[in-house]
Amino acid sequence: MMQMVQFQEERLFGAANMIKGLEYCVDSTIEYCKERKTFGMR
């Protein structure tokens, strides 16, 4: 039972750590879309 509780904590910690990485991905995508030209338009 204690091991299962630890797994839950580890999953939560792992998900929280990924937020910054995902935020970087979203910011990079926004910058790319602002620079990209499609059919001669931005």
N, C-alpha and C. Protein backbone atom coordinates (compact mmCIF):
# COMPACT_ATOMS: atom_id res chain seq x y z
N MET A 1 0.82 -1.20 0.00
CA MET A 1 0.00 0.00 0.00
C MET A 1 0.87 1.27 0.00
N MET A 2 1.92 1.24 0.80
CA MET A 2 2.79 2.41 0.85
C MET A 2 3.47 2.66 -0.50
N GLN A 3 3.82 1.57 -1.19
CA GLN A 3 4.45 1.71 -2.50
C GLN A 3 3.50 2.34 -3.51
N MET A 4 2.25 1.99 -3.46
CA MET A 4 1.27 2.56 -4.38
C MET A 4 1.08 4.06 -4.11
N VAL A 5 1.12 4.46 -2.85
CA VAL A 5 1.02 5.88 -2.52
C VAL A 5 2.23 6.62 -3.08
N GLN A 6 3.40 6.01 -2.99
CA GLN A 6 4.62 6.63 -3.52
C GLN A 6 4.51 6.80 -5.04
N PHE A 7 3.95 5.81 -5.73
CA PHE A 7 3.77 5.93 -7.18
C PHE A 7 2.91 7.14 -7.53
N GLN A 8 1.87 7.37 -6.77
CA GLN A 8 0.99 8.51 -7.03
C GLN A 8 1.76 9.82 -6.89
N GLU A 9 2.59 9.91 -5.84
CA GLU A 9 3.38 11.12 -5.62
C GLU A 9 4.38 11.32 -6.74
N GLU A 10 5.01 10.25 -7.20
CA GLU A 10 5.99 10.35 -8.28
C GLU A 10 5.32 10.79 -9.58
N ARG A 11 4.14 10.28 -9.86
CA ARG A 11 3.43 10.69 -11.07
C ARG A 11 3.08 12.18 -11.02
N LEU A 12 2.62 12.63 -9.88
CA LEU A 12 2.28 14.05 -9.72
C LEU A 12 3.52 14.91 -9.89
N PHE A 13 4.63 14.51 -9.29
CA PHE A 13 5.88 15.26 -9.40
C PHE A 13 6.35 15.30 -10.86
N GLY A 14 6.27 14.18 -11.56
CA GLY A 14 6.67 14.13 -12.96
C GLY A 14 5.81 15.02 -13.83
N ALA A 15 4.52 15.03 -13.60
CA ALA A 15 3.62 15.88 -14.38
C ALA A 15 3.91 17.35 -14.12
N ALA A 16 4.16 17.70 -12.86
CA ALA A 16 4.45 19.09 -12.53
C ALA A 16 5.76 19.54 -13.17
N ASN A 17 6.74 18.66 -13.26
CA ASN A 17 8.02 19.01 -13.88
C ASN A 17 7.89 19.25 -15.38
N MET A 18 6.93 18.64 -16.02
CA MET A 18 6.78 18.78 -17.47
C MET A 18 6.12 20.09 -17.87
N ILE A 19 5.50 20.78 -16.96
CA ILE A 19 4.77 22.00 -17.30
C ILE A 19 5.69 23.03 -17.95
N LYS A 20 6.89 23.23 -17.40
CA LYS A 20 7.82 24.22 -17.95
C LYS A 20 8.25 23.84 -19.37
N GLY A 21 8.51 22.57 -19.59
CA GLY A 21 8.89 22.12 -20.93
C GLY A 21 7.77 22.31 -21.93
N LEU A 22 6.56 22.02 -21.52
CA LEU A 22 5.42 22.20 -22.42
C LEU A 22 5.16 23.68 -22.69
N GLU A 23 5.39 24.51 -21.70
CA GLU A 23 5.23 25.96 -21.88
C GLU A 23 6.22 26.46 -22.93
N TYR A 24 7.45 25.95 -22.89
CA TYR A 24 8.45 26.32 -23.90
C TYR A 24 7.99 25.89 -25.29
N CYS A 25 7.44 24.70 -25.42
CA CYS A 25 6.95 24.22 -26.71
C CYS A 25 5.84 25.12 -27.26
N VAL A 26 4.92 25.52 -26.41
CA VAL A 26 3.83 26.39 -26.84
C VAL A 26 4.38 27.75 -27.27
N ASP A 27 5.29 28.32 -26.48
CA ASP A 27 5.88 29.62 -26.83
C ASP A 27 6.65 29.55 -28.14
N SER A 28 7.39 28.46 -28.35
CA SER A 28 8.14 28.29 -29.61
C SER A 28 7.19 28.18 -30.79
N THR A 29 6.10 27.48 -30.63
CA THR A 29 5.12 27.33 -31.70
C THR A 29 4.49 28.67 -32.05
N ILE A 30 4.17 29.47 -31.05
CA ILE A 30 3.59 30.79 -31.30
C ILE A 30 4.57 31.66 -32.07
N GLU A 31 5.83 31.67 -31.68
CA GLU A 31 6.84 32.46 -32.39
C GLU A 31 6.99 31.99 -33.84
N TYR A 32 7.00 30.68 -34.05
CA TYR A 32 7.12 30.13 -35.40
C TYR A 32 5.92 30.55 -36.26
N CYS A 33 4.73 30.49 -35.70
CA CYS A 33 3.53 30.83 -36.45
C CYS A 33 3.50 32.32 -36.81
N LYS A 34 4.06 33.15 -35.97
CA LYS A 34 4.11 34.58 -36.26
C LYS A 34 5.05 34.88 -37.43
N GLU A 35 6.12 34.08 -37.58
CA GLU A 35 7.11 34.31 -38.63
C GLU A 35 6.75 33.60 -39.93
N ARG A 36 5.96 32.57 -39.87
CA ARG A 36 5.67 31.72 -41.03
C ARG A 36 4.78 32.46 -42.02
N LYS A 37 5.06 32.25 -43.28
CA LYS A 37 4.21 32.82 -44.34
C LYS A 37 3.50 31.69 -45.06
N THR A 38 2.21 31.87 -45.26
CA THR A 38 1.38 30.92 -45.98
C THR A 38 0.61 31.68 -47.03
N PHE A 39 0.71 31.26 -48.26
CA PHE A 39 0.02 31.92 -49.38
C PHE A 39 0.38 33.40 -49.42
N GLY A 40 1.67 33.71 -49.10
CA GLY A 40 2.14 35.09 -49.17
C GLY A 40 1.71 35.96 -48.01
N MET A 41 1.05 35.40 -47.03
CA MET A 41 0.60 36.17 -45.87
C MET A 41 1.14 35.56 -44.59
N ARG A 42 1.24 36.37 -43.56
CA ARG A 42 1.68 35.86 -42.25
C ARG A 42 0.52 35.28 -41.52
